[in-house]
Protein backbone atom coordinates (compact mmCIF):
# COMPACT_ATOMS: atom_id res chain seq x y z
CA MET A 1 -2.24 18.30 -9.87
CA LEU A 2 0.50 19.20 -7.42
CA ARG A 3 -0.45 21.79 -4.85
CA LYS A 4 2.04 23.97 -3.03
CA THR A 5 1.62 25.19 0.52
CA LEU A 6 3.99 27.26 2.58
CA CYS A 7 3.81 25.26 5.79
CA GLY A 8 5.23 26.97 8.81
CA GLY A 9 4.36 30.23 7.14
CA LEU A 10 0.72 29.14 7.25
CA LEU A 11 0.62 29.49 11.00
CA ALA A 12 2.69 32.63 11.13
CA LEU A 13 2.26 34.77 8.05
CA ALA A 14 5.02 37.14 9.07
CA PRO A 15 8.30 35.31 8.40
CA LEU A 16 10.25 37.58 10.72
CA ALA A 17 7.95 36.72 13.60
CA ALA A 18 8.45 33.04 12.95
CA GLY A 19 12.20 33.46 13.32
CA ALA A 20 12.97 30.77 10.75
CA GLN A 21 16.68 30.41 9.97
CA THR A 22 16.34 29.14 6.43
CA THR A 23 13.81 28.04 3.82
CA LEU A 24 13.76 24.43 2.64
CA THR A 25 11.83 22.84 -0.21
CA ALA A 26 9.95 19.59 0.39
CA GLU A 27 7.46 17.33 -1.37
CA THR A 28 4.87 15.05 0.17
CA THR A 29 1.80 12.98 -0.66
CA THR A 30 -1.86 14.04 -0.67
CA PRO A 31 -3.72 15.34 2.40
CA GLY A 32 -5.08 12.53 4.57
CA SER A 33 -2.01 10.34 4.11
CA THR A 34 0.59 9.44 6.73
CA PRO A 35 3.52 11.23 5.01
CA HIS A 36 1.40 14.37 4.61
CA TYR A 37 0.59 14.46 8.34
CA ILE A 38 4.22 13.92 9.30
CA ASP A 39 5.54 16.54 6.89
CA THR A 40 3.03 19.24 7.75
CA THR A 41 3.52 18.59 11.47
CA LEU A 42 7.27 18.76 11.00
CA ALA A 43 6.87 22.04 9.13
CA ALA A 44 4.93 23.54 12.03
CA VAL A 45 7.46 22.20 14.54
CA LEU A 46 10.45 23.61 12.68
CA ASP A 47 8.74 26.96 12.26
CA SER A 48 7.85 27.15 15.96
CA ALA A 49 11.41 26.26 16.92
CA GLY A 50 12.84 28.89 14.57
CA VAL A 51 14.82 26.24 12.67
CA ALA A 52 13.43 26.48 9.14
CA THR A 53 10.41 27.12 6.96
CA LEU A 54 9.33 24.25 4.71
CA GLN A 55 7.84 25.05 1.32
CA ILE A 56 5.84 21.87 0.74
CA THR A 57 4.46 20.61 -2.56
CA GLU A 58 1.53 18.25 -1.97
CA GLY A 59 0.34 15.37 -4.11
CA ALA A 60 3.82 14.44 -5.29
CA THR A 61 4.88 11.07 -6.67
CA LEU A 62 7.58 10.03 -4.21
CA THR A 63 9.51 8.14 -6.89
CA ASN A 64 10.26 11.52 -8.42
CA SER A 65 10.81 13.18 -5.04
CA VAL A 66 13.50 10.68 -4.05
CA GLN A 67 15.38 11.30 -7.27
CA ALA A 68 15.04 15.06 -6.81
CA VAL A 69 16.60 14.87 -3.33
CA ALA A 70 19.40 12.65 -4.63
CA GLU A 71 20.10 15.14 -7.43
CA GLY A 72 20.06 18.11 -5.06
CA ARG A 73 16.97 19.70 -6.62
CA LEU A 74 14.86 19.20 -3.47
CA ASP A 75 15.82 19.53 0.18
CA MET A 76 13.56 16.97 1.85
CA ALA A 77 11.01 14.22 1.15
CA PRO A 78 9.42 11.18 2.80
CA ALA A 79 10.89 8.11 1.10
CA PRO A 80 9.49 4.59 1.05
CA LEU A 81 12.79 2.84 1.66
CA ILE A 82 12.39 0.55 -1.32
CA LEU A 83 12.92 3.59 -3.57
CA PRO A 84 16.55 4.38 -2.56
CA PHE A 85 17.15 0.62 -2.85
CA LEU A 86 15.84 0.57 -6.42
CA LEU A 87 17.66 3.79 -7.26
CA SER A 88 20.95 2.37 -6.01
CA ARG A 89 20.59 -0.44 -8.55
CA GLY A 90 19.07 1.60 -11.36
CA ILE A 91 16.10 -0.76 -11.65
CA GLY A 92 12.32 -0.55 -11.54
CA PRO A 93 11.16 3.06 -11.92
CA TYR A 94 14.83 4.10 -12.18
CA SER A 95 15.79 1.70 -14.97
CA GLY A 96 16.29 4.63 -17.30
CA ILE A 97 19.02 5.97 -15.02
CA GLY A 98 21.03 2.76 -14.98
CA PRO A 99 22.99 1.09 -12.17
CA GLU A 100 26.14 3.25 -12.25
CA GLN A 101 24.42 6.62 -12.10
CA GLY A 102 21.75 5.18 -9.78
CA ALA A 103 24.39 4.10 -7.28
CA GLU A 104 25.98 7.55 -7.40
CA LEU A 105 22.65 9.25 -6.80
CA ALA A 106 21.62 6.92 -3.98
CA ALA A 107 24.91 7.64 -2.24
CA ASN A 108 23.76 11.27 -1.94
CA ILE A 109 20.77 10.34 0.24
CA ARG A 110 20.73 10.50 4.05
CA VAL A 111 17.93 9.83 6.55
CA LEU A 112 16.87 12.10 9.41
CA PHE A 113 14.32 9.77 11.08
CA PHE A 114 12.08 6.80 10.28
CA ASN A 115 8.46 5.61 10.42
CA ALA A 116 6.49 2.54 9.35
CA GLY A 117 2.89 3.54 9.87
CA SER A 118 1.31 2.54 6.55
CA ALA A 119 0.00 -1.04 6.64
CA GLN A 120 -1.12 -2.78 3.45
CA MET A 121 -4.83 -3.63 3.43
CA PHE A 122 -7.43 -4.98 1.00
CA GLY A 123 -10.90 -3.45 0.69
CA TYR A 124 -14.16 -3.41 -1.25
CA TYR A 125 -17.66 -1.97 -1.09
CA ASN A 126 -20.25 -4.03 0.76
CA SER A 127 -22.62 -3.40 -2.13
CA ASN A 128 -20.17 -5.27 -4.40
CA PRO A 129 -18.52 -7.72 -2.03
CA VAL A 130 -15.58 -9.99 -2.73
CA GLU A 131 -16.82 -13.34 -1.46
CA ASP A 132 -13.33 -14.83 -1.07
CA ILE A 133 -10.25 -12.61 -0.89
CA THR A 134 -8.11 -15.49 -2.15
CA GLU A 135 -10.20 -15.75 -5.33
CA LEU A 136 -9.68 -12.50 -7.22
CA GLU A 137 -9.54 -13.68 -10.81
CA GLY A 138 -11.27 -11.40 -13.30
CA LEU A 139 -11.55 -8.40 -10.96
CA ARG A 140 -10.46 -4.82 -11.54
CA ILE A 141 -8.33 -3.87 -8.54
CA TRP A 142 -6.79 -0.49 -7.72
CA ASN A 143 -3.28 -1.42 -6.63
CA GLY A 144 -1.29 1.80 -6.61
CA PRO A 145 -0.11 4.87 -8.48
CA PRO A 146 1.40 4.34 -11.95
CA ARG A 147 4.79 3.46 -10.49
CA GLY A 148 6.75 3.40 -7.27
CA ALA A 149 6.79 1.72 -3.87
CA ALA A 150 3.04 1.62 -3.29
CA LEU A 151 2.47 -0.14 -6.62
CA THR A 152 5.14 -2.71 -5.81
CA SER A 153 3.52 -3.36 -2.43
CA GLY A 154 0.02 -3.45 -3.91
CA ARG A 155 0.99 -6.03 -6.50
CA ALA A 156 2.72 -8.08 -3.80
CA MET A 157 -0.46 -8.01 -1.71
CA ILE A 158 -2.65 -9.37 -4.52
CA GLN A 159 -0.07 -12.03 -5.36
CA LEU A 160 0.06 -13.08 -1.70
CA LEU A 161 -3.73 -13.25 -1.36
CA SER A 162 -4.57 -14.92 -4.66
CA GLY A 163 -1.38 -16.00 -6.41
CA LEU A 164 -2.27 -13.73 -9.35
CA GLN A 165 -0.02 -11.33 -11.22
CA ASP A 166 -1.14 -7.90 -12.41
CA GLY A 167 -2.50 -8.31 -15.95
CA GLU A 168 -2.53 -12.10 -15.62
CA GLY A 169 -5.70 -13.08 -13.81
CA TYR A 170 -6.81 -9.64 -12.65
CA GLU A 171 -6.70 -6.12 -14.07
CA GLY A 172 -4.61 -3.74 -12.02
CA VAL A 173 -5.83 -0.15 -12.09
CA GLN A 174 -3.41 2.66 -11.32
CA ASN A 175 -3.66 6.43 -11.20
CA GLU A 176 -2.06 9.31 -9.34
CA TRP A 177 -2.76 9.65 -5.61
CA PRO A 178 -5.07 12.68 -5.89
CA ASP A 179 -7.41 10.65 -8.13
CA THR A 180 -7.50 7.52 -5.96
CA VAL A 181 -10.67 8.24 -3.98
CA SER A 182 -12.67 9.45 -6.98
CA THR A 183 -11.66 6.40 -9.01
CA ILE A 184 -12.81 4.04 -6.27
CA THR A 185 -15.99 5.89 -5.29
CA GLY A 186 -16.88 6.31 -8.96
CA GLY A 187 -17.15 2.54 -9.38
CA GLY A 188 -14.09 2.18 -11.56
CA VAL A 189 -12.82 -0.87 -9.66
CA ASP A 190 -14.15 -3.92 -7.84
CA ALA A 191 -11.67 -3.71 -4.96
CA TRP A 192 -8.52 -1.94 -3.84
CA THR A 193 -5.31 -2.51 -1.92
CA ILE A 194 -3.50 0.45 -0.38
CA PRO A 195 -0.85 1.03 2.29
CA GLU A 196 -2.70 3.12 4.87
CA GLY A 197 -2.01 4.83 8.16
CA LEU A 198 -4.50 4.45 10.99
CA PRO A 199 -7.08 5.85 10.81
CA SER A 200 -6.92 6.57 7.10
CA GLY A 201 -8.71 9.67 5.93
CA ARG A 202 -8.73 8.11 2.47
CA GLN A 203 -10.62 5.02 3.65
CA ILE A 204 -13.04 7.19 5.62
CA SER A 205 -13.69 9.25 2.47
CA ILE A 206 -14.25 6.07 0.46
CA ALA A 207 -16.65 4.75 3.12
CA ALA A 208 -18.65 7.99 3.01
CA ALA A 209 -19.96 6.82 -0.38
CA GLY A 210 -21.09 3.46 1.04
CA GLY A 211 -20.08 0.88 3.61
CA ILE A 212 -16.76 -0.87 3.02
CA THR A 213 -14.94 -3.92 4.35
CA ILE A 214 -11.19 -4.01 5.04
CA HIS A 215 -9.14 -7.22 5.36
CA ASP A 216 -5.69 -7.92 6.73
CA VAL A 217 -3.52 -10.81 5.53
CA PRO A 218 -4.73 -14.19 6.85
CA ALA A 219 -2.16 -15.79 9.18
CA ASP A 220 -1.55 -18.83 6.99
CA LEU A 221 -0.65 -16.64 4.02
CA LEU A 222 1.41 -14.15 6.05
CA ASN A 223 3.39 -17.00 7.61
CA SER A 224 3.93 -18.78 4.30
CA GLU A 225 7.28 -18.69 2.54
CA LEU A 226 6.03 -16.05 0.11
CA GLY A 227 4.45 -14.05 2.94
CA GLN A 228 7.68 -13.91 4.91
CA GLN A 229 9.62 -13.00 1.79
CA ILE A 230 7.26 -10.07 1.24
CA VAL A 231 7.47 -8.93 4.88
CA ALA A 232 11.28 -8.99 4.66
CA ALA A 233 11.43 -7.47 1.17
CA PRO A 234 13.25 -4.16 0.68
CA GLY A 235 11.07 -1.34 1.96
CA HIS A 236 8.78 -3.49 4.10
CA ALA A 237 8.48 -4.08 7.84
CA PRO A 238 6.12 -6.33 9.85
CA PHE A 239 2.86 -4.79 11.10
CA SER A 240 0.60 -6.18 13.84
CA MET A 241 -1.98 -4.46 16.03
CA PRO A 242 -4.71 -5.77 18.38
CA ILE A 243 -7.89 -5.89 16.32
CA GLU A 244 -10.03 -4.03 18.84
CA GLU A 245 -7.56 -1.16 18.81
CA PHE A 246 -7.57 -1.17 15.00
CA ARG A 247 -11.38 -1.19 14.85
CA ALA A 248 -11.65 1.55 17.46
CA ALA A 249 -9.69 3.87 15.17
CA TYR A 250 -12.56 3.67 12.65
CA ALA A 251 -15.42 3.88 15.16
CA GLY A 252 -18.31 5.93 13.83
CA ASN A 253 -17.57 5.15 10.19
CA ASP A 254 -19.23 2.51 8.04
CA ILE A 255 -16.07 0.39 7.94
CA THR A 256 -15.99 -3.32 8.78
CA VAL A 257 -12.60 -4.85 9.56
CA VAL A 258 -12.19 -8.61 9.03
CA VAL A 259 -9.32 -10.66 10.43
CA ASP A 260 -8.84 -14.36 11.14
CA ASP A 261 -7.49 -14.00 14.68
CA ASP A 262 -7.23 -11.32 17.37
CA SER A 263 -4.94 -8.92 15.51
CA PHE A 264 -4.68 -6.99 12.26
CA ASP A 265 -1.57 -8.40 10.62
CA SER A 266 0.08 -7.25 7.43
CA PHE A 267 3.27 -5.68 6.16
CA ALA A 268 4.08 -2.01 6.56
CA THR A 269 5.79 0.38 4.20
CA ALA A 270 9.02 1.47 5.88
CA PHE A 271 9.79 5.17 5.40
CA GLY A 272 12.72 7.45 6.02
CA GLN A 273 12.66 11.25 6.00
CA ILE A 274 15.44 11.92 3.52
CA VAL A 275 17.72 14.84 2.75
CA SER A 276 20.86 15.29 0.73
CA ALA A 277 24.18 14.15 2.19
CA SER A 278 25.36 17.71 1.58
CA MET A 279 22.88 19.24 4.04
CA ASP A 280 24.70 21.30 6.66
CA GLU A 281 25.35 19.12 9.70
CA GLN A 282 24.17 21.72 12.19
CA LEU A 283 20.95 22.24 10.25
CA ALA A 284 20.28 18.49 10.23
CA TYR A 285 21.04 18.39 13.96
CA ASP A 286 18.63 21.26 14.65
CA ILE A 287 15.87 19.68 12.54
CA VAL A 288 16.11 16.33 14.30
CA THR A 289 16.45 17.92 17.74
CA ALA A 290 13.24 19.87 17.11
CA TYR A 291 11.57 16.67 15.87
CA LEU A 292 12.59 14.69 18.96
CA ASN A 293 11.46 17.48 21.28
CA ALA A 294 8.04 17.48 19.57
CA GLU A 295 7.22 13.81 20.20
CA ASP A 296 3.99 14.63 22.04
CA ARG A 297 2.88 16.91 19.23
CA PHE A 298 3.38 14.20 16.62
CA LEU A 299 1.61 11.58 18.74
CA THR A 300 -1.37 13.71 19.78
CA GLY A 301 -1.83 16.06 16.81
CA SER A 302 -3.95 13.52 14.91
CA PRO A 303 -5.85 10.32 15.69
CA ARG A 304 -3.24 8.54 13.57
CA GLY A 305 -0.37 9.91 15.65
CA PRO A 306 0.04 6.93 18.02
CA TYR A 307 0.14 4.49 15.10
CA LEU A 308 2.89 6.04 12.99
CA PHE A 309 5.76 4.02 14.51
CA LEU A 310 7.90 7.15 14.31
CA SER A 311 11.47 6.73 15.56
CA PHE A 312 11.70 8.57 18.87
CA GLY A 313 13.98 6.10 20.67
CA ASP A 314 16.90 3.76 20.08
CA LEU A 315 17.58 2.83 16.45
CA ASP A 316 18.66 -0.75 15.72
CA GLY A 317 18.19 -0.44 11.96
CA VAL A 318 16.29 -3.69 11.49
CA SER A 319 13.14 -2.40 13.19
CA GLN A 320 13.28 0.61 10.90
CA GLY A 321 13.38 -1.57 7.76
CA VAL A 322 17.06 -1.07 6.97
CA CYS A 323 20.40 -2.77 7.67
CA GLY A 324 19.32 -5.72 5.56
CA ALA A 325 18.63 -5.58 1.85
CA VAL A 326 18.18 -1.84 2.22
CA GLN A 327 21.42 -0.11 3.11
CA ILE A 328 20.97 3.59 3.78
CA ALA A 329 22.84 5.86 6.17
CA MET A 330 21.55 8.53 8.52
CA HIS A 331 22.83 12.08 8.31
CA PRO A 332 25.66 12.70 10.81
CA GLY A 333 23.73 15.63 12.25
CA ALA A 334 20.73 13.36 12.82
CA ILE A 335 22.88 10.73 14.52
CA ARG A 336 24.34 13.37 16.83
CA ALA A 337 20.86 14.63 17.71
CA PHE A 338 19.62 11.13 18.60
CA GLU A 339 22.71 10.42 20.68
CA ASP A 340 22.57 13.78 22.47
CA ALA A 341 18.96 12.89 23.37
CA GLY A 342 20.23 9.68 24.98
CA HIS A 343 19.35 7.22 22.23
CA SER A 344 21.60 4.59 20.68
CA VAL A 345 22.18 4.37 16.93
CA ALA A 346 23.27 1.12 15.27
CA ASP A 347 26.60 1.12 13.44
CA CYS A 348 24.87 0.00 10.23
CA LEU A 349 23.09 3.39 10.11
CA ARG A 350 26.30 5.40 10.13
CA PRO A 351 27.80 6.83 6.91
């Protein structure tokens, strides 16, 4: 079930005291996820700066949120960048829209800022261990919500590890994000693969029901032809972190992290904070200026803050997961805000 919160107004119940200039609608994922932390932090930042109040709906399916922004029914959403790519072609979850209308809708999307803090991982309960993560035949594996970017990435992860396709060799289990933890803790699956921020409140909740083990992608598979294709696929970006730093983020929880070298290596889900191309340029400028000024708040407001790979500096496009297969422009107001803050913006990000 979707849950609505009036973020910004939560911290200051009197709207006049908050001094917000306008009210914007937004959708985000469930509490404990990376997009949820970013969106609720942004809401508090914008409220404190007197820029805007965000009315946030939690537990949304971002496939729908991206389309709603493109159609002008929603002001803002976090977008896995594969979704505007699929929308622009009218394929995948947007096949019912078709390529012509999909291209028109995708052209209405602009980005304010980027992040790539959700790395794909593979996990299971120690009480029901997977003896070899490359041998997954016959297992029931939670691999994403019913549709969208996370499901695409989850299926890619299992294919990379085992060579198996969903429904051909293993049974993929999908349900909406709010039901993910209960499905896994209830014993409905043998293993799971999820794009997670660090530390993940979802994985900590899963581990509260019993010790779990998390794996990255072994180096030989990640460096294979298929592995590199997946890393470079629309909506993905490379992810690598020293293993001791990764393990330290889960200290105190019954979570074992297994890698084959000295780093946790995988592929990340590249995100952009999207709005409509029709958003007022000054409003976009004020939003991004407030965001850039709140860097310390984003980085220190949660243990996951330092690992979000939020864009607070120069933007070359490639590092953000765009300017390749994914072609998406930033909002002119956002570009002006980054440049006024002394940061460079690649030409491929300009409308």
